[in-house]
Amino acid sequence: MSTADLLYSEAEDDLRAAVRSLLTDRCPPATVMSEAESGRAHDTALWRALGTEMGTAGLLVPDKLGGQGATAREAAVVMEELGRAVAPVPYLTSAVLAAAALLGCDTGQDAVARLLGAVAEGRTVGALAVPLSTVAVAPGGGSGAPAATVRADGDGTLSGQVSAVAGAAGADVLLVPATGADGYGLYAVETAETSVTVEPLTSLDLTRPLAAVTLTGAPARRLAGPDRAGPAIGRALLTGAGLLASEQLGVAEWCLTETVRHTKERHQFGRPIGSFQALKHRMAALWLELVSARATARYAADALATDSPDTPVAVAVAQAHCAAVAVHAAEECVQLHGGIGMTWEHPAHLYLKRAKSDEIALGTPGRHRQALAGLVDLPAPTG
């Protein structure tokens, strides 16, 4: 049995440098706050530069299918940097969840291959039409697809509603789980259809807005039937949760770095407030949490990349830990910035909102601990 490699490769470091340079130039905090207030689904110019021109939209897709032929390890590096910038782009929803769901379908089908290639090139933005809170790892172990709330009719149309879908507002294509006479399936629906309504919801995290999707006899293309649809959606959710841990790591890293910088510069009683022992201890404790979070996030990414049998365990551990670390880091960032951290003008609130939103995305830490208990055959926590 091989040992997981938690270190970053030279290629991953180069990818990080390129993504960070782009985000530093095109996505500073002031731009993120302006974009969040604009009401737009995402920053289309930034997504074009990141997803299409840089090619990150196709990292998970084999090159023969129009992607970059990389792995979850490289995608995790991108997610880290997006977390550090709380970038308003549909990377998780399109390049991860939608792409992973399509990869689980029969890519030999022309419809699947064309759509996957368009998503991989960033020309088409996809979204998996399930609630963002959908649990990625089933309590009994493994991953499973959620129950469908949409009906597939015999005339090739879909009807029903899905609430709290991340990425739906800016998507070109929705991948919709639905149940009909032929059983459970995954269907592609164009959002431009008049029979498709995408209603934005009030979201805590304005950089990753949610929407309610209503289909009223919407024309649909069937991408997978009962044999493939469930496993494809389940694997997509598992991949999304595993890579979300890297985004949470990036959020925590920015919060700690910014807090250390501020406490070195902010003076009180004639000395930097970061020199006071109580604050030193709080930041040191947070650094230790962050180191552990990096290890669990990297392990989850490596397990996904190598298709390890331990992947459900790795993802459950990463989500149970990284979600809490991101929230703690964001809370400390706000508190240790004092009054300025509570203002709308300072970006700290963006990180706290992203951390809190991510905490319930694809399963809460408590649900992942329950899943982990089933995976390793231990009594589940009750509190």
Protein backbone atom coordinates (compact mmCIF):
# COMPACT_ATOMS: atom_id res chain seq x y z
CA MET A 1 0.00 0.00 0.00
CA SER A 2 1.50 3.34 -1.07
CA THR A 3 1.80 6.29 1.29
CA ALA A 4 -0.04 9.49 0.42
CA ASP A 5 2.20 12.34 -0.72
CA LEU A 6 1.09 15.47 1.12
CA LEU A 7 3.84 17.70 -0.28
CA TYR A 8 3.29 20.03 -3.21
CA SER A 9 5.07 19.13 -6.43
CA GLU A 10 7.01 21.65 -8.49
CA ALA A 11 4.20 21.70 -11.07
CA GLU A 12 1.65 22.38 -8.32
CA ASP A 13 3.79 25.22 -6.97
CA ASP A 14 4.02 26.71 -10.46
CA LEU A 15 0.23 26.44 -10.87
CA ARG A 16 -0.26 28.13 -7.50
CA ALA A 17 2.04 30.99 -8.47
CA ALA A 18 0.19 31.55 -11.75
CA VAL A 19 -3.27 31.48 -10.15
CA ARG A 20 -2.20 33.70 -7.25
CA SER A 21 -0.66 36.22 -9.64
CA LEU A 22 -3.88 36.40 -11.66
CA LEU A 23 -6.06 36.75 -8.56
CA THR A 24 -3.77 39.37 -7.02
CA ASP A 25 -4.02 41.43 -10.19
CA ARG A 26 -7.68 40.86 -11.10
CA CYS A 27 -9.36 40.00 -7.79
CA PRO A 28 -8.17 42.24 -4.93
CA PRO A 29 -10.51 42.59 -1.91
CA ALA A 30 -11.96 45.88 -3.18
CA THR A 31 -12.97 44.22 -6.45
CA VAL A 32 -14.51 41.24 -4.63
CA MET A 33 -16.59 43.54 -2.43
CA SER A 34 -17.72 45.56 -5.46
CA GLU A 35 -18.66 42.37 -7.31
CA ALA A 36 -20.56 41.07 -4.27
CA GLU A 37 -22.62 44.26 -4.18
CA SER A 38 -23.29 44.20 -7.93
CA GLY A 39 -25.81 41.36 -7.79
CA ARG A 40 -24.09 39.52 -10.66
CA ALA A 41 -23.85 35.76 -10.42
CA HIS A 42 -20.06 35.79 -10.89
CA ASP A 43 -17.21 37.81 -12.38
CA THR A 44 -17.39 36.70 -16.03
CA ALA A 45 -14.14 38.41 -17.07
CA LEU A 46 -12.21 36.80 -14.23
CA TRP A 47 -13.75 33.40 -14.99
CA ARG A 48 -12.75 33.73 -18.64
CA ALA A 49 -9.16 34.49 -17.64
CA LEU A 50 -8.97 31.77 -15.01
CA GLY A 51 -11.08 29.00 -16.49
CA THR A 52 -10.63 29.42 -20.24
CA GLU A 53 -7.36 31.27 -20.85
CA MET A 54 -5.44 29.61 -17.99
CA GLY A 55 -7.22 26.30 -18.56
CA THR A 56 -8.15 25.54 -14.95
CA ALA A 57 -11.75 24.72 -15.88
CA GLY A 58 -10.57 21.44 -17.39
CA LEU A 59 -8.07 20.24 -14.80
CA LEU A 60 -10.19 17.23 -13.83
CA VAL A 61 -11.01 16.29 -17.43
CA PRO A 62 -8.71 14.00 -19.49
CA ASP A 63 -7.00 15.69 -22.42
CA LYS A 64 -8.68 13.34 -24.91
CA LEU A 65 -12.02 14.76 -23.75
CA GLY A 66 -10.94 18.38 -24.09
CA GLY A 67 -9.46 18.97 -20.65
CA GLN A 68 -6.01 19.37 -19.15
CA GLY A 69 -5.60 15.80 -17.94
CA ALA A 70 -4.56 16.82 -14.43
CA THR A 71 -5.89 15.45 -11.13
CA ALA A 72 -7.67 16.51 -7.97
CA ARG A 73 -4.30 17.53 -6.51
CA GLU A 74 -3.95 20.34 -9.05
CA ALA A 75 -7.60 21.30 -8.68
CA ALA A 76 -7.06 21.48 -4.91
CA VAL A 77 -4.26 24.02 -5.42
CA VAL A 78 -6.65 26.20 -7.45
CA MET A 79 -9.30 25.84 -4.75
CA GLU A 80 -6.81 26.97 -2.09
CA GLU A 81 -6.04 30.13 -4.01
CA LEU A 82 -9.71 30.81 -4.70
CA GLY A 83 -10.33 30.48 -0.98
CA ARG A 84 -7.54 32.95 -0.21
CA ALA A 85 -9.19 35.45 -2.55
CA VAL A 86 -12.86 34.48 -1.93
CA ALA A 87 -13.02 34.80 -5.71
CA PRO A 88 -16.54 35.13 -7.20
CA VAL A 89 -16.11 32.47 -9.90
CA PRO A 90 -18.02 29.20 -10.52
CA TYR A 91 -15.02 26.90 -10.12
CA LEU A 92 -16.53 24.59 -7.49
CA THR A 93 -19.93 24.46 -9.16
CA SER A 94 -18.83 24.10 -12.80
CA ALA A 95 -15.22 22.86 -13.02
CA VAL A 96 -15.62 20.47 -10.08
CA LEU A 97 -19.21 19.39 -9.44
CA ALA A 98 -20.58 19.61 -12.99
CA ALA A 99 -17.42 18.25 -14.63
CA ALA A 100 -17.16 15.35 -12.17
CA ALA A 101 -20.82 14.43 -12.71
CA LEU A 102 -20.32 14.41 -16.49
CA LEU A 103 -17.21 12.26 -16.14
CA GLY A 104 -19.37 9.68 -14.37
CA CYS A 105 -21.66 9.44 -17.39
CA ASP A 106 -20.87 7.53 -20.57
CA THR A 107 -18.36 9.91 -22.16
CA GLY A 108 -18.63 7.87 -25.35
CA GLN A 109 -22.04 9.45 -25.92
CA ASP A 110 -21.80 12.43 -28.25
CA ALA A 111 -24.05 14.63 -26.07
CA VAL A 112 -22.02 13.94 -22.95
CA ALA A 113 -18.67 14.39 -24.70
CA ARG A 114 -19.67 17.72 -26.29
CA LEU A 115 -21.01 19.14 -23.04
CA LEU A 116 -18.02 17.93 -21.05
CA GLY A 117 -15.63 19.48 -23.57
CA ALA A 118 -17.45 22.82 -23.42
CA VAL A 119 -17.37 22.82 -19.60
CA ALA A 120 -13.68 21.82 -19.59
CA GLU A 121 -12.81 24.71 -21.90
CA GLY A 122 -14.77 27.17 -19.79
CA ARG A 123 -17.01 28.06 -22.75
CA THR A 124 -20.04 26.65 -20.96
CA VAL A 125 -20.77 27.12 -17.26
CA GLY A 126 -22.51 24.13 -15.72
CA ALA A 127 -24.17 23.57 -12.37
CA LEU A 128 -25.31 20.39 -10.66
CA ALA A 129 -28.91 21.08 -9.66
CA VAL A 130 -28.86 19.79 -6.08
CA PRO A 131 -29.07 21.87 -2.89
CA LEU A 132 -25.65 23.09 -1.77
CA SER A 133 -26.27 21.47 1.63
CA THR A 134 -26.58 17.98 0.08
CA VAL A 135 -24.51 15.53 2.12
CA ALA A 136 -21.57 14.17 0.12
CA VAL A 137 -20.81 11.10 2.26
CA ALA A 138 -23.69 8.89 3.35
CA PRO A 139 -23.98 8.13 7.10
CA GLY A 140 -23.52 4.41 6.44
CA GLY A 141 -20.31 5.03 4.51
CA GLY A 142 -19.60 5.74 0.89
CA SER A 143 -21.31 8.32 -1.27
CA GLY A 144 -24.81 8.46 -2.61
CA ALA A 145 -27.01 10.53 -4.87
CA PRO A 146 -29.78 12.66 -3.35
CA ALA A 147 -33.44 11.89 -3.93
CA ALA A 148 -34.79 13.69 -7.01
CA THR A 149 -37.35 16.46 -6.58
CA VAL A 150 -37.84 16.78 -10.35
CA ARG A 151 -40.08 14.57 -12.51
CA ALA A 152 -39.05 13.31 -15.94
CA ASP A 153 -42.07 13.09 -18.22
CA GLY A 154 -42.45 10.77 -21.18
CA ASP A 155 -42.21 13.60 -23.70
CA GLY A 156 -38.59 14.35 -22.77
CA THR A 157 -39.34 17.29 -20.48
CA LEU A 158 -38.69 17.92 -16.78
CA SER A 159 -40.94 19.51 -14.16
CA GLY A 160 -40.26 20.33 -10.53
CA GLN A 161 -38.20 22.55 -8.26
CA VAL A 162 -34.78 22.41 -6.62
CA SER A 163 -33.91 24.90 -3.90
CA ALA A 164 -30.61 26.46 -2.83
CA VAL A 165 -28.60 25.49 -5.92
CA ALA A 166 -25.13 27.07 -5.98
CA GLY A 167 -23.98 28.38 -9.34
CA ALA A 168 -27.39 28.11 -11.00
CA ALA A 169 -27.80 31.86 -11.48
CA GLY A 170 -24.78 32.12 -13.78
CA ALA A 171 -24.99 28.71 -15.41
CA ASP A 172 -25.63 27.98 -19.07
CA VAL A 173 -26.56 24.33 -18.43
CA LEU A 174 -28.09 22.62 -15.41
CA LEU A 175 -27.40 18.96 -14.68
CA VAL A 176 -30.66 17.85 -13.11
CA PRO A 177 -31.33 14.58 -11.25
CA ALA A 178 -34.87 13.45 -12.04
CA THR A 179 -37.08 10.40 -11.67
CA GLY A 180 -39.46 9.13 -14.34
CA ALA A 181 -40.88 5.98 -15.83
CA ASP A 182 -37.36 4.84 -16.69
CA GLY A 183 -36.12 5.41 -13.14
CA TYR A 184 -33.51 7.75 -11.76
CA GLY A 185 -31.53 9.73 -14.31
CA LEU A 186 -29.33 12.76 -14.92
CA TYR A 187 -30.50 15.30 -17.49
CA ALA A 188 -29.06 18.43 -19.09
CA VAL A 189 -31.29 21.51 -19.28
CA GLU A 190 -30.42 24.82 -20.95
CA THR A 191 -31.11 27.75 -18.63
CA ALA A 192 -32.06 29.92 -21.64
CA GLU A 193 -35.29 27.93 -22.05
CA THR A 194 -38.40 29.93 -21.17
CA SER A 195 -39.66 26.95 -19.16
CA VAL A 196 -36.67 27.31 -16.79
CA THR A 197 -36.83 29.83 -13.96
CA VAL A 198 -33.75 30.59 -11.85
CA GLU A 199 -34.73 32.80 -8.93
CA PRO A 200 -31.84 34.23 -6.86
CA LEU A 201 -32.14 33.68 -3.12
CA THR A 202 -30.82 35.79 -0.27
CA SER A 203 -27.45 34.18 0.40
CA LEU A 204 -25.10 34.66 3.33
CA ASP A 205 -22.11 34.41 0.98
CA LEU A 206 -22.68 36.91 -1.82
CA THR A 207 -19.61 35.61 -3.67
CA ARG A 208 -21.30 32.20 -4.13
CA PRO A 209 -24.99 33.00 -4.60
CA LEU A 210 -27.78 30.44 -4.33
CA ALA A 211 -30.92 30.17 -6.43
CA ALA A 212 -34.18 28.25 -6.61
CA VAL A 213 -34.62 26.40 -9.91
CA THR A 214 -38.12 25.77 -11.24
CA LEU A 215 -38.71 23.62 -14.33
CA THR A 216 -42.10 23.66 -16.06
CA GLY A 217 -42.00 21.18 -18.91
CA ALA A 218 -38.41 22.08 -19.69
CA PRO A 219 -36.81 20.28 -22.69
CA ALA A 220 -34.01 18.02 -21.45
CA ARG A 221 -31.31 15.68 -22.77
CA ARG A 222 -30.84 12.47 -20.85
CA LEU A 223 -27.17 11.99 -19.98
CA ALA A 224 -27.32 8.92 -17.74
CA GLY A 225 -29.86 6.33 -16.67
CA PRO A 226 -30.36 4.42 -13.41
CA ASP A 227 -27.13 2.46 -13.80
CA ARG A 228 -24.86 5.51 -14.03
CA ALA A 229 -26.72 8.56 -12.73
CA GLY A 230 -26.58 7.73 -9.02
CA PRO A 231 -22.89 6.81 -8.90
CA ALA A 232 -21.98 9.80 -11.12
CA ILE A 233 -23.75 12.30 -8.84
CA GLY A 234 -22.41 10.59 -5.72
CA ARG A 235 -18.83 10.75 -7.00
CA ALA A 236 -19.29 14.40 -7.99
CA LEU A 237 -20.49 15.30 -4.50
CA LEU A 238 -17.61 13.37 -2.93
CA THR A 239 -15.10 15.15 -5.19
CA GLY A 240 -16.68 18.50 -4.41
CA ALA A 241 -16.53 17.95 -0.65
CA GLY A 242 -12.93 16.77 -0.80
CA LEU A 243 -11.81 19.81 -2.80
CA LEU A 244 -13.94 22.18 -0.73
CA ALA A 245 -11.59 21.37 2.16
CA SER A 246 -8.78 23.01 0.19
CA GLU A 247 -10.89 26.14 -0.29
CA GLN A 248 -11.52 26.19 3.47
CA LEU A 249 -7.78 25.87 3.99
CA GLY A 250 -7.22 28.89 1.73
CA VAL A 251 -9.77 30.93 3.67
CA ALA A 252 -8.03 30.07 6.95
CA GLU A 253 -4.58 30.88 5.53
CA TRP A 254 -5.65 34.36 4.41
CA CYS A 255 -7.32 35.07 7.75
CA LEU A 256 -4.24 34.08 9.77
CA THR A 257 -1.81 35.91 7.46
CA GLU A 258 -3.90 39.08 7.51
CA THR A 259 -4.34 38.90 11.28
CA VAL A 260 -0.60 38.52 11.90
CA ARG A 261 0.08 41.45 9.57
CA HIS A 262 -2.47 43.65 11.33
CA THR A 263 -1.30 42.83 14.84
CA LYS A 264 2.28 43.70 13.86
CA GLU A 265 1.22 47.11 12.57
CA ARG A 266 -1.48 48.05 15.09
CA HIS A 267 0.07 49.73 18.15
CA GLN A 268 -1.44 50.07 21.60
CA PHE A 269 0.30 51.28 24.73
CA GLY A 270 3.35 52.08 22.63
CA ARG A 271 3.89 48.59 21.23
CA PRO A 272 2.43 46.29 18.53
CA ILE A 273 -0.61 44.45 19.84
CA GLY A 274 0.82 41.26 18.35
CA SER A 275 3.55 41.36 20.99
CA PHE A 276 1.05 40.76 23.81
CA GLN A 277 1.25 37.19 25.03
CA ALA A 278 -2.51 36.53 24.99
CA LEU A 279 -2.72 37.38 21.29
CA LYS A 280 0.44 35.42 20.52
CA HIS A 281 -1.14 32.33 22.06
CA ARG A 282 -4.36 32.74 20.08
CA MET A 283 -2.51 33.06 16.78
CA ALA A 284 -0.16 30.19 17.62
CA ALA A 285 -3.13 27.94 18.40
CA LEU A 286 -4.73 28.93 15.12
CA TRP A 287 -1.51 28.14 13.24
CA LEU A 288 -1.49 24.63 14.70
CA GLU A 289 -5.09 24.13 13.58
CA LEU A 290 -4.17 25.34 10.12
CA VAL A 291 -1.24 22.89 9.84
CA SER A 292 -3.59 20.02 10.66
CA ALA A 293 -6.15 21.35 8.19
CA ARG A 294 -3.53 21.41 5.43
CA ALA A 295 -2.63 17.79 6.12
CA THR A 296 -6.25 16.60 6.00
CA ALA A 297 -7.08 18.65 2.89
CA ARG A 298 -4.00 17.41 1.06
CA TYR A 299 -4.78 13.81 2.03
CA ALA A 300 -8.33 14.15 0.68
CA ALA A 301 -7.04 15.63 -2.60
CA ASP A 302 -4.41 12.89 -2.96
CA ALA A 303 -6.99 10.18 -2.22
CA LEU A 304 -9.29 11.58 -4.92
CA ALA A 305 -6.39 11.85 -7.37
CA THR A 306 -5.29 8.25 -6.85
CA ASP A 307 -8.84 6.85 -6.53
CA SER A 308 -7.87 5.44 -3.15
CA PRO A 309 -10.33 3.09 -1.39
CA ASP A 310 -9.88 5.38 1.64
CA THR A 311 -11.36 8.36 -0.24
CA PRO A 312 -14.68 8.51 1.70
CA VAL A 313 -12.74 8.42 4.99
CA ALA A 314 -10.28 11.07 3.80
CA VAL A 315 -13.08 13.37 2.64
CA ALA A 316 -15.11 12.95 5.83
CA VAL A 317 -12.06 13.71 8.00
CA ALA A 318 -11.11 16.73 5.88
CA GLN A 319 -14.60 18.23 5.96
CA ALA A 320 -15.14 17.55 9.66
CA HIS A 321 -11.89 19.39 10.47
CA CYS A 322 -11.33 22.04 7.78
CA ALA A 323 -14.82 23.51 8.01
CA ALA A 324 -14.36 24.26 11.70
CA VAL A 325 -10.84 25.62 11.22
CA ALA A 326 -11.98 28.04 8.50
CA VAL A 327 -14.79 29.39 10.68
CA HIS A 328 -12.50 29.74 13.71
CA ALA A 329 -9.84 31.52 11.66
CA ALA A 330 -12.39 33.93 10.20
CA GLU A 331 -13.88 34.67 13.62
CA GLU A 332 -10.42 35.35 15.06
CA CYS A 333 -9.62 37.57 12.09
CA VAL A 334 -12.69 39.72 12.75
CA GLN A 335 -12.08 39.88 16.51
CA LEU A 336 -8.37 40.63 16.41
CA HIS A 337 -8.90 43.40 13.89
CA GLY A 338 -11.02 45.14 16.52
CA GLY A 339 -13.64 47.63 15.33
CA ILE A 340 -12.33 47.75 11.76
CA GLY A 341 -12.99 44.03 11.35
CA MET A 342 -16.69 44.63 11.90
CA THR A 343 -17.03 47.17 9.08
CA TRP A 344 -18.33 46.52 5.57
CA GLU A 345 -15.27 48.28 4.11
CA HIS A 346 -12.84 45.68 5.48
CA PRO A 347 -12.83 42.31 3.62
CA ALA A 348 -12.84 40.22 6.83
CA HIS A 349 -16.62 39.81 6.63
CA LEU A 350 -16.32 38.20 3.19
CA TYR A 351 -14.12 35.46 4.63
CA LEU A 352 -16.39 34.89 7.62
CA LYS A 353 -19.41 34.56 5.32
CA ARG A 354 -17.57 32.20 2.96
CA ALA A 355 -16.39 30.11 5.92
CA LYS A 356 -19.87 29.88 7.42
CA SER A 357 -21.42 29.09 4.04
CA ASP A 358 -18.79 26.42 3.34
CA GLU A 359 -19.44 24.90 6.77
CA ILE A 360 -22.89 23.71 5.66
CA ALA A 361 -21.98 23.04 2.02
CA LEU A 362 -21.99 19.35 0.99
CA GLY A 363 -22.59 18.28 4.58
CA THR A 364 -21.95 19.90 7.97
CA PRO A 365 -18.99 18.79 10.14
CA GLY A 366 -21.44 16.88 12.32
CA ARG A 367 -22.83 14.94 9.37
CA HIS A 368 -19.32 14.10 8.23
CA ARG A 369 -18.42 12.86 11.71
CA GLN A 370 -21.48 10.62 11.62
CA ALA A 371 -20.43 9.31 8.22
CA LEU A 372 -16.89 8.74 9.47
CA ALA A 373 -18.20 6.72 12.40
CA GLY A 374 -19.95 4.37 9.99
CA LEU A 375 -16.89 4.13 7.75
CA VAL A 376 -14.51 3.13 10.54
CA ASP A 377 -17.05 1.12 12.56
CA LEU A 378 -17.14 3.33 15.65
CA PRO A 379 -20.15 4.61 17.63
CA ALA A 380 -21.36 7.88 16.12
CA PRO A 381 -21.15 11.04 18.25
CA THR A 382 -24.48 11.98 19.82
CA GLY A 383 -23.76 15.57 20.84
